[in-house]
């Protein structure tokens, strides 16, 4: 089975409208899995936190507050 990821909109009647046409063999049956984001997934707070984390990491990288990758692996290799 081949998988394609396509965004779509559900209308008032519950019908799916794809954002773009599928480029597959016509008149073929398909299996559809609908992933609906939960309210928590769309929470602005989590986006704000992610942006704050990114800004902190960027600041640390630009100010030289980094750890060499070889040091990150110390102790892990022997485990």
Protein backbone atom coordinates (compact mmCIF):
# COMPACT_ATOMS: atom_id res chain seq x y z
CA UNK A 1 0.00 0.00 0.00
CA UNK A 2 1.28 3.47 -0.89
CA UNK A 3 0.72 6.48 1.41
CA UNK A 4 0.12 10.07 0.38
CA UNK A 5 -0.22 13.04 2.71
CA UNK A 6 -2.67 15.67 1.53
CA UNK A 7 -4.39 18.46 3.43
CA UNK A 8 -8.16 18.79 3.14
CA UNK A 9 -11.13 20.67 4.55
CA UNK A 10 -14.29 19.17 6.02
CA UNK A 11 -17.38 21.10 4.92
CA UNK A 12 -20.72 21.55 6.68
CA UNK A 13 -22.01 18.25 5.28
CA UNK A 14 -18.97 16.33 6.56
CA UNK A 15 -17.49 15.92 3.07
CA UNK A 16 -13.75 16.17 2.47
CA UNK A 17 -12.39 18.59 -0.10
CA UNK A 18 -8.72 18.02 -0.92
CA UNK A 19 -6.48 21.07 -1.25
CA UNK A 20 -5.04 19.63 -4.47
CA UNK A 21 -5.96 16.80 -6.83
CA UNK A 22 -4.35 13.40 -6.34
CA UNK A 23 -2.00 12.28 -9.09
CA UNK A 24 -2.85 8.57 -8.99
CA UNK A 25 -4.77 6.11 -11.13
CA UNK A 26 -8.34 7.32 -11.51
CA UNK A 27 -11.37 5.24 -10.49
CA UNK A 28 -9.47 3.37 -7.79
CA UNK A 29 -10.55 2.72 -4.22
CA UNK A 30 -8.53 4.29 -1.43
CA UNK A 31 -8.39 4.03 2.33
CA UNK A 32 -8.66 7.37 4.16
CA UNK A 33 -7.35 8.12 7.63
CA UNK A 34 -8.41 11.51 9.00
CA UNK A 35 -6.18 13.14 11.61
CA UNK A 36 -7.96 15.93 13.48
CA UNK A 37 -5.82 18.18 15.67
CA UNK A 38 -6.98 18.43 19.26
CA UNK A 39 -7.43 21.81 20.94
CA UNK A 40 -4.18 21.29 22.86
CA UNK A 41 -2.31 20.88 19.56
CA UNK A 42 -3.47 24.33 18.47
CA UNK A 43 -2.72 26.01 21.80
CA UNK A 44 -0.93 29.36 21.37
CA UNK A 45 0.80 28.82 24.72
CA UNK A 46 2.72 25.83 23.38
CA UNK A 47 3.79 27.86 20.35
CA UNK A 48 4.89 30.67 22.66
CA UNK A 49 6.88 28.22 24.78
CA UNK A 50 8.49 26.65 21.71
CA UNK A 51 9.50 30.08 20.42
CA UNK A 52 10.97 31.02 23.82
CA UNK A 53 12.93 27.73 23.90
CA UNK A 54 14.24 28.39 20.39
CA UNK A 55 15.28 31.94 21.28
CA UNK A 56 17.13 30.66 24.37
CA UNK A 57 18.92 27.96 22.34
CA UNK A 58 19.80 30.47 19.60
CA UNK A 59 21.21 32.89 22.21
CA UNK A 60 23.31 30.12 23.74
CA UNK A 61 24.62 29.04 20.34
CA UNK A 62 25.46 32.59 19.25
CA UNK A 63 27.20 33.41 22.57
CA UNK A 64 29.34 30.25 22.47
CA UNK A 65 27.53 28.49 25.30
CA UNK A 66 27.67 25.14 23.51
CA UNK A 67 28.92 21.66 24.34
CA UNK A 68 30.96 19.70 21.77
CA UNK A 69 29.16 16.67 20.38
CA UNK A 70 32.00 14.41 21.50
CA UNK A 71 31.39 15.52 25.08
CA UNK A 72 27.68 14.73 24.77
CA UNK A 73 28.54 11.09 23.98
CA UNK A 74 30.84 10.67 27.01
CA UNK A 75 29.47 7.98 29.29
CA UNK A 76 26.85 6.91 26.76
CA UNK A 77 29.22 4.86 24.64
CA UNK A 78 30.04 2.55 27.56
CA UNK A 79 26.41 2.03 28.58
